[in-house]
Amino acid sequence: MSVIDFANSRMTWFGPLNGSMSRIQLDGMWTLIDDEQGTEDAYYLIAPCHSEHTHSDGQLFTKRNYDFRGIFGETEYTLIRTHWVANPDVSADPGSENTGGRTPVEAGLCKRK
């Protein structure tokens, strides 16, 4: 069995428009197994971050600020945003177009290992 060294593990991706690069520490990993389909999918949770203007010449952090985390798989992702004022009726998840706003478990596609 291999073990992830989370203290030294990061997720890195590149922005398509301006050539920017993001690198955020990993906070967790799990595998979802679908016994009926015979598939296993790995998902990675990034550490919490603050919203910011990455390429700003002035104010770095956005007003009204929020914390966010992301869960990333090979073919889908979702972002979880926690605003300074909670409003459970507002969805601010840009990944919902790709995931239907549901995790694979919520969609009944697979179960935890």
Protein backbone atom coordinates (compact mmCIF):
# COMPACT_ATOMS: atom_id res chain seq x y z
CA MET A 1 0.00 0.00 0.00
CA SER A 2 1.33 3.45 -0.86
CA VAL A 3 0.86 6.37 1.52
CA ILE A 4 0.45 10.00 0.46
CA ASP A 5 2.75 12.51 2.17
CA PHE A 6 0.12 15.26 2.50
CA ALA A 7 2.56 17.75 4.04
CA ASN A 8 4.50 17.72 0.77
CA SER A 9 1.72 17.01 -1.76
CA ARG A 10 0.15 19.67 -3.96
CA MET A 11 -2.31 19.87 -6.82
CA THR A 12 -1.13 22.06 -9.69
CA TRP A 13 -3.06 23.27 -12.73
CA PHE A 14 -2.60 25.92 -15.38
CA GLY A 15 -5.04 28.64 -16.42
CA PRO A 16 -6.02 28.42 -20.10
CA LEU A 17 -6.22 32.16 -20.81
CA ASN A 18 -3.36 33.95 -19.08
CA GLY A 19 -0.82 31.19 -18.51
CA SER A 20 -1.22 31.41 -14.74
CA MET A 21 -0.47 28.48 -12.49
CA SER A 22 -2.22 27.44 -9.27
CA ARG A 23 -0.67 25.18 -6.68
CA ILE A 24 -2.64 24.20 -3.58
CA GLN A 25 -1.82 21.68 -0.89
CA LEU A 26 -3.73 18.39 -0.85
CA ASP A 27 -5.80 17.72 2.25
CA GLY A 28 -7.32 14.31 1.52
CA MET A 29 -7.79 11.52 -1.02
CA TRP A 30 -10.33 8.74 -1.38
CA THR A 31 -11.37 6.12 -3.88
CA LEU A 32 -15.00 5.60 -4.87
CA ILE A 33 -15.81 2.07 -6.03
CA ASP A 34 -18.69 0.99 -8.23
CA ASP A 35 -18.89 -2.78 -7.83
CA GLU A 36 -21.58 -3.12 -10.49
CA GLN A 37 -19.50 -1.30 -13.13
CA GLY A 38 -16.18 -2.61 -11.84
CA THR A 39 -14.67 0.88 -11.68
CA GLU A 40 -12.64 2.82 -9.14
CA ASP A 41 -12.29 6.60 -9.23
CA ALA A 42 -9.80 8.62 -7.16
CA TYR A 43 -10.81 12.03 -5.76
CA TYR A 44 -8.59 14.65 -4.14
CA LEU A 45 -9.58 17.35 -1.64
CA ILE A 46 -7.54 20.56 -1.61
CA ALA A 47 -6.78 22.51 1.57
CA PRO A 48 -8.99 25.55 2.33
CA CYS A 49 -8.07 28.80 0.55
CA HIS A 50 -9.28 32.43 0.60
CA SER A 51 -10.78 34.03 -2.48
CA GLU A 52 -8.36 36.45 -4.11
CA HIS A 53 -7.50 38.48 -7.17
CA THR A 54 -4.51 36.42 -8.26
CA HIS A 55 -3.09 38.96 -10.73
CA SER A 56 -4.03 42.15 -8.88
CA ASP A 57 -1.97 45.33 -8.78
CA GLY A 58 -3.97 46.47 -5.77
CA GLN A 59 -6.28 44.71 -3.36
CA LEU A 60 -5.38 41.01 -3.19
CA PHE A 61 -8.33 39.54 -1.28
CA THR A 62 -11.85 39.89 -2.63
CA LYS A 63 -14.54 41.72 -0.71
CA ARG A 64 -16.84 39.95 0.42
CA ASN A 65 -14.34 37.23 1.06
CA TYR A 66 -15.01 33.51 1.21
CA ASP A 67 -13.09 30.33 1.86
CA PHE A 68 -13.18 27.59 -0.72
CA ARG A 69 -12.14 24.00 -1.11
CA GLY A 70 -12.27 21.78 -4.15
CA ILE A 71 -12.78 18.10 -4.80
CA PHE A 72 -11.20 16.96 -8.06
CA GLY A 73 -11.50 13.68 -9.94
CA GLU A 74 -10.26 12.71 -13.36
CA THR A 75 -13.47 13.73 -15.15
CA GLU A 76 -15.40 15.89 -12.67
CA TYR A 77 -14.95 18.39 -9.88
CA THR A 78 -16.84 20.58 -7.48
CA LEU A 79 -15.94 23.68 -5.47
CA ILE A 80 -17.25 24.28 -1.98
CA ARG A 81 -17.46 27.94 -0.99
CA THR A 82 -18.08 29.18 2.54
CA HIS A 83 -19.08 32.84 2.47
CA TRP A 84 -18.69 35.13 5.45
CA VAL A 85 -22.49 35.34 5.50
CA ALA A 86 -24.07 31.93 5.04
CA ASN A 87 -26.95 31.59 2.59
CA PRO A 88 -27.92 27.97 1.95
CA ASP A 89 -30.25 29.02 -0.90
CA VAL A 90 -27.39 30.33 -3.08
CA SER A 91 -25.19 27.97 -5.07
CA ALA A 92 -21.82 29.40 -6.06
CA ASP A 93 -20.43 26.20 -7.58
CA PRO A 94 -18.93 26.64 -11.06
CA GLY A 95 -18.49 22.87 -11.18
CA SER A 96 -22.23 22.26 -11.06
CA GLU A 97 -22.41 22.43 -14.86
CA ASN A 98 -20.06 19.44 -15.03
CA THR A 99 -21.38 17.48 -12.06
CA GLY A 100 -25.03 18.44 -11.89
CA GLY A 101 -24.17 19.93 -8.50
CA ARG A 102 -23.97 16.43 -7.03
CA THR A 103 -21.13 14.25 -5.90
CA PRO A 104 -20.90 10.75 -7.41
CA VAL A 105 -22.12 9.34 -4.07
CA GLU A 106 -25.15 11.69 -4.03
CA ALA A 107 -25.92 10.68 -7.60
CA GLY A 108 -25.91 7.01 -6.52
CA LEU A 109 -23.09 6.21 -8.93
CA CYS A 110 -20.82 4.57 -6.41
CA LYS A 111 -20.10 4.03 -2.73
CA ARG A 112 -17.18 4.71 -0.44
CA LYS A 113 -14.49 2.07 -0.13
